[in-house]
Amino acid sequence: AQGRAAGTLSEICIKNAGIKTKIANAGAFLGLSKLVTTAGSNSYDITNQRLAACALCNLVANHPGNKRLAKRLCLVSDLASLLKHSEVMEIQNAAASCIFNVVCKTDKEDLEALEIMPLLRSIKSTARMIDTRLLCATNNPNEVASPAFGTF
């Protein structure tokens, strides 16, 4: 049920800032973050992790308020751990895409400290643009509009 809920959240918030705000205000970030950090190698946990990472990715995409919330909740650290420890490509892509959607220039040192820059550079969803993204000094979606930004 948790995975289906995460999948539904992921789908309904694509390109709808109002829905993204309501979902965040309802506390979804904490529940999704918990699913992301659930350790396990069974297919249930893996599916939940993938769907939660996708939902988080879509919730922060082009939404400055949700990006700030994600940073306050240390979401990048949780996703970095998932990225480093998962061997499932779909989970890695979702985690990397969410990290990509949250970070900007001021986060480069934090990403380097988390030791995930080589992974972000090697994963298809973020490889081309992560260094460019970290050169950008803004979170304003109008200023960083690019096909590389957006939903998962």
C-alpha atoms as a PDB file:
ATOM      1  CA  ALA A   1       0.000   0.000   0.000  1.00  0.00           C
ATOM      2  CA  GLN A   2       2.845   2.423   0.779  1.00  0.00           C
ATOM      3  CA  GLY A   3       4.441   1.868  -2.607  1.00  0.00           C
ATOM      4  CA  ARG A   4       1.158   2.433  -4.408  1.00  0.00           C
ATOM      5  CA  ALA A   5       0.587   5.633  -2.422  1.00  0.00           C
ATOM      6  CA  ALA A   6       4.094   6.854  -3.323  1.00  0.00           C
ATOM      7  CA  GLY A   7       3.486   5.999  -6.972  1.00  0.00           C
ATOM      8  CA  THR A   8       0.195   7.876  -6.949  1.00  0.00           C
ATOM      9  CA  LEU A   9       1.811  10.932  -5.353  1.00  0.00           C
ATOM     10  CA  SER A  10       4.515  10.801  -7.981  1.00  0.00           C
ATOM     11  CA  GLU A  11       2.004  10.855 -10.810  1.00  0.00           C
ATOM     12  CA  ILE A  12      -0.480  13.432  -9.529  1.00  0.00           C
ATOM     13  CA  CYS A  13       2.078  16.127  -8.782  1.00  0.00           C
ATOM     14  CA  ILE A  14       3.771  16.236 -12.182  1.00  0.00           C
ATOM     15  CA  LYS A  15       3.730  19.833 -13.434  1.00  0.00           C
ATOM     16  CA  ASN A  16       1.137  20.941 -10.868  1.00  0.00           C
ATOM     17  CA  ALA A  17       2.658  23.358  -8.367  1.00  0.00           C
ATOM     18  CA  GLY A  18      -0.551  23.706  -6.368  1.00  0.00           C
ATOM     19  CA  ILE A  19      -0.830  19.967  -5.803  1.00  0.00           C
ATOM     20  CA  LYS A  20       2.882  19.785  -4.931  1.00  0.00           C
ATOM     21  CA  THR A  21       2.398  22.455  -2.268  1.00  0.00           C
ATOM     22  CA  LYS A  22      -0.634  20.699  -0.775  1.00  0.00           C
ATOM     23  CA  ILE A  23       1.160  17.334  -0.700  1.00  0.00           C
ATOM     24  CA  ALA A  24       4.189  18.882   1.006  1.00  0.00           C
ATOM     25  CA  ASN A  25       2.024  20.764   3.506  1.00  0.00           C
ATOM     26  CA  ALA A  26       0.269  17.500   4.375  1.00  0.00           C
ATOM     27  CA  GLY A  27       3.613  16.047   5.508  1.00  0.00           C
ATOM     28  CA  ALA A  28       4.345  13.682   2.638  1.00  0.00           C
ATOM     29  CA  PHE A  29       8.077  14.429   2.662  1.00  0.00           C
ATOM     30  CA  LEU A  30       8.590  12.701   6.007  1.00  0.00           C
ATOM     31  CA  GLY A  31       6.719   9.554   4.983  1.00  0.00           C
ATOM     32  CA  LEU A  32       8.453   9.355   1.620  1.00  0.00           C
ATOM     33  CA  SER A  33      11.824   9.959   3.245  1.00  0.00           C
ATOM     34  CA  LYS A  34      11.140   7.087   5.625  1.00  0.00           C
ATOM     35  CA  LEU A  35      10.402   4.796   2.669  1.00  0.00           C
ATOM     36  CA  VAL A  36      13.635   5.889   0.976  1.00  0.00           C
ATOM     37  CA  THR A  37      15.681   5.024   4.051  1.00  0.00           C
ATOM     38  CA  THR A  38      14.017   1.659   4.685  1.00  0.00           C
ATOM     39  CA  ALA A  39      16.785  -0.895   4.428  1.00  0.00           C
ATOM     40  CA  GLY A  40      15.960  -4.115   2.721  1.00  0.00           C
ATOM     41  CA  SER A  41      16.753  -6.244  -0.237  1.00  0.00           C
ATOM     42  CA  ASN A  42      13.364  -7.801  -0.822  1.00  0.00           C
ATOM     43  CA  SER A  43      11.305  -6.711  -3.805  1.00  0.00           C
ATOM     44  CA  TYR A  44       8.738  -4.949  -1.582  1.00  0.00           C
ATOM     45  CA  ASP A  45      11.350  -2.617  -0.066  1.00  0.00           C
ATOM     46  CA  ILE A  46      13.047  -2.048  -3.408  1.00  0.00           C
ATOM     47  CA  THR A  47       9.762  -1.116  -5.079  1.00  0.00           C
ATOM     48  CA  ASN A  48       8.850   1.222  -2.229  1.00  0.00           C
ATOM     49  CA  GLN A  49      12.275   2.884  -2.346  1.00  0.00           C
ATOM     50  CA  ARG A  50      12.033   3.427  -6.101  1.00  0.00           C
ATOM     51  CA  LEU A  51       8.499   4.822  -5.959  1.00  0.00           C
ATOM     52  CA  ALA A  52       9.284   7.055  -2.970  1.00  0.00           C
ATOM     53  CA  ALA A  53      12.407   8.438  -4.670  1.00  0.00           C
ATOM     54  CA  CYS A  54      10.373   9.107  -7.832  1.00  0.00           C
ATOM     55  CA  ALA A  55       7.667  10.874  -5.818  1.00  0.00           C
ATOM     56  CA  LEU A  56      10.242  13.038  -4.040  1.00  0.00           C
ATOM     57  CA  CYS A  57      11.880  13.836  -7.365  1.00  0.00           C
ATOM     58  CA  ASN A  58       8.588  15.019  -8.806  1.00  0.00           C
ATOM     59  CA  LEU A  59       7.615  16.938  -5.668  1.00  0.00           C
ATOM     60  CA  VAL A  60      10.778  19.060  -5.776  1.00  0.00           C
ATOM     61  CA  ALA A  61      10.944  19.480  -9.565  1.00  0.00           C
ATOM     62  CA  ASN A  62      10.529  23.149 -10.432  1.00  0.00           C
ATOM     63  CA  HIS A  63       9.101  23.960  -6.994  1.00  0.00           C
ATOM     64  CA  PRO A  64      11.380  26.282  -4.961  1.00  0.00           C
ATOM     65  CA  GLY A  65       9.349  25.898  -1.758  1.00  0.00           C
ATOM     66  CA  ASN A  66       9.588  22.119  -1.836  1.00  0.00           C
ATOM     67  CA  LYS A  67      13.298  22.320  -2.644  1.00  0.00           C
ATOM     68  CA  ARG A  68      13.806  24.415   0.491  1.00  0.00           C
ATOM     69  CA  LEU A  69      11.774  21.928   2.509  1.00  0.00           C
ATOM     70  CA  ALA A  70      13.812  19.033   1.123  1.00  0.00           C
ATOM     71  CA  LYS A  71      17.000  20.798   2.170  1.00  0.00           C
ATOM     72  CA  ARG A  72      15.669  21.508   5.678  1.00  0.00           C
ATOM     73  CA  LEU A  73      14.790  17.820   6.047  1.00  0.00           C
ATOM     74  CA  CYS A  74      18.295  16.758   4.870  1.00  0.00           C
ATOM     75  CA  LEU A  75      16.714  14.788   2.056  1.00  0.00           C
ATOM     76  CA  VAL A  76      19.872  14.906  -0.057  1.00  0.00           C
ATOM     77  CA  SER A  77      21.759  12.992   2.619  1.00  0.00           C
ATOM     78  CA  ASP A  78      19.072  10.261   2.698  1.00  0.00           C
ATOM     79  CA  LEU A  79      19.049  10.033  -1.090  1.00  0.00           C
ATOM     80  CA  ALA A  80      22.834   9.986  -1.223  1.00  0.00           C
ATOM     81  CA  SER A  81      22.856   6.982   1.098  1.00  0.00           C
ATOM     82  CA  LEU A  82      20.277   5.246  -1.079  1.00  0.00           C
ATOM     83  CA  LEU A  83      22.265   6.103  -4.195  1.00  0.00           C
ATOM     84  CA  LYS A  84      25.482   4.686  -2.762  1.00  0.00           C
ATOM     85  CA  HIS A  85      23.993   1.497  -1.352  1.00  0.00           C
ATOM     86  CA  SER A  86      21.466   0.441  -3.965  1.00  0.00           C
ATOM     87  CA  GLU A  87      22.491  -1.774  -6.840  1.00  0.00           C
ATOM     88  CA  VAL A  88      19.157  -1.294  -8.606  1.00  0.00           C
ATOM     89  CA  MET A  89      19.540   1.058 -11.567  1.00  0.00           C
ATOM     90  CA  GLU A  90      15.966   2.374 -11.341  1.00  0.00           C
ATOM     91  CA  ILE A  91      16.506   3.367  -7.711  1.00  0.00           C
ATOM     92  CA  GLN A  92      19.836   4.981  -8.535  1.00  0.00           C
ATOM     93  CA  ASN A  93      18.242   6.969 -11.370  1.00  0.00           C
ATOM     94  CA  ALA A  94      15.365   8.160  -9.192  1.00  0.00           C
ATOM     95  CA  ALA A  95      17.651   9.111  -6.279  1.00  0.00           C
ATOM     96  CA  ALA A  96      20.129  10.891  -8.561  1.00  0.00           C
ATOM     97  CA  SER A  97      17.333  12.761 -10.348  1.00  0.00           C
ATOM     98  CA  CYS A  98      15.867  13.957  -7.063  1.00  0.00           C
ATOM     99  CA  ILE A  99      19.260  15.093  -5.811  1.00  0.00           C
ATOM    100  CA  PHE A 100      19.759  16.882  -9.124  1.00  0.00           C
ATOM    101  CA  ASN A 101      16.417  18.668  -8.747  1.00  0.00           C
ATOM    102  CA  VAL A 102      17.220  19.846  -5.213  1.00  0.00           C
ATOM    103  CA  VAL A 103      20.813  21.050  -5.454  1.00  0.00           C
ATOM    104  CA  CYS A 104      22.431  24.223  -6.743  1.00  0.00           C
ATOM    105  CA  LYS A 105      25.880  25.803  -6.708  1.00  0.00           C
ATOM    106  CA  THR A 106      25.990  26.211  -2.931  1.00  0.00           C
ATOM    107  CA  ASP A 107      25.567  22.448  -2.458  1.00  0.00           C
ATOM    108  CA  LYS A 108      28.634  21.310  -4.393  1.00  0.00           C
ATOM    109  CA  GLU A 109      30.853  20.933  -1.321  1.00  0.00           C
ATOM    110  CA  ASP A 110      28.151  18.969   0.479  1.00  0.00           C
ATOM    111  CA  LEU A 111      27.823  16.584  -2.476  1.00  0.00           C
ATOM    112  CA  GLU A 112      31.570  16.132  -2.563  1.00  0.00           C
ATOM    113  CA  ALA A 113      31.604  15.443   1.190  1.00  0.00           C
ATOM    114  CA  LEU A 114      28.893  12.812   0.683  1.00  0.00           C
ATOM    115  CA  GLU A 115      31.203  11.260  -1.932  1.00  0.00           C
ATOM    116  CA  ILE A 116      28.499  10.948  -4.581  1.00  0.00           C
ATOM    117  CA  MET A 117      29.796  13.207  -7.356  1.00  0.00           C
ATOM    118  CA  PRO A 118      31.328  10.295  -9.315  1.00  0.00           C
ATOM    119  CA  LEU A 119      28.002   8.448  -9.095  1.00  0.00           C
ATOM    120  CA  LEU A 120      26.024  11.495 -10.196  1.00  0.00           C
ATOM    121  CA  ARG A 121      28.382  11.858 -13.148  1.00  0.00           C
ATOM    122  CA  SER A 122      27.974   8.210 -14.126  1.00  0.00           C
ATOM    123  CA  ILE A 123      24.189   7.830 -13.914  1.00  0.00           C
ATOM    124  CA  LYS A 124      22.375   8.483 -17.156  1.00  0.00           C
ATOM    125  CA  SER A 125      19.686  10.748 -15.698  1.00  0.00           C
ATOM    126  CA  THR A 126      22.216  13.220 -14.266  1.00  0.00           C
ATOM    127  CA  ALA A 127      25.530  12.556 -16.025  1.00  0.00           C
ATOM    128  CA  ARG A 128      25.260  15.218 -18.706  1.00  0.00           C
ATOM    129  CA  MET A 129      24.161  18.124 -16.565  1.00  0.00           C
ATOM    130  CA  ILE A 130      25.240  17.737 -12.934  1.00  0.00           C
ATOM    131  CA  ASP A 131      28.358  19.885 -13.262  1.00  0.00           C
ATOM    132  CA  THR A 132      26.425  22.564 -15.140  1.00  0.00           C
ATOM    133  CA  ARG A 133      23.705  22.420 -12.495  1.00  0.00           C
ATOM    134  CA  LEU A 134      26.237  23.050  -9.761  1.00  0.00           C
ATOM    135  CA  LEU A 135      27.505  26.125 -11.587  1.00  0.00           C
ATOM    136  CA  CYS A 136      24.027  27.649 -11.425  1.00  0.00           C
ATOM    137  CA  ALA A 137      23.583  29.984  -8.478  1.00  0.00           C
ATOM    138  CA  THR A 138      19.784  29.985  -8.414  1.00  0.00           C
ATOM    139  CA  ASN A 139      16.847  27.715  -7.738  1.00  0.00           C
ATOM    140  CA  ASN A 140      14.515  29.855  -9.851  1.00  0.00           C
ATOM    141  CA  PRO A 141      12.880  27.483 -12.335  1.00  0.00           C
ATOM    142  CA  ASN A 142      12.630  30.235 -14.965  1.00  0.00           C
ATOM    143  CA  GLU A 143      16.369  30.782 -14.827  1.00  0.00           C
ATOM    144  CA  VAL A 144      17.400  27.135 -14.864  1.00  0.00           C
ATOM    145  CA  ALA A 145      14.806  25.904 -17.358  1.00  0.00           C
ATOM    146  CA  SER A 146      16.287  22.981 -19.210  1.00  0.00           C
ATOM    147  CA  PRO A 147      15.106  19.631 -20.518  1.00  0.00           C
ATOM    148  CA  ALA A 148      17.446  18.080 -17.941  1.00  0.00           C
ATOM    149  CA  PHE A 149      15.377  19.503 -15.086  1.00  0.00           C
ATOM    150  CA  GLY A 150      11.975  18.247 -14.239  1.00  0.00           C
ATOM    151  CA  THR A 151      10.126  15.134 -13.387  1.00  0.00           C
ATOM    152  CA  PHE A 152      11.089  11.502 -13.238  1.00  0.00           C
END
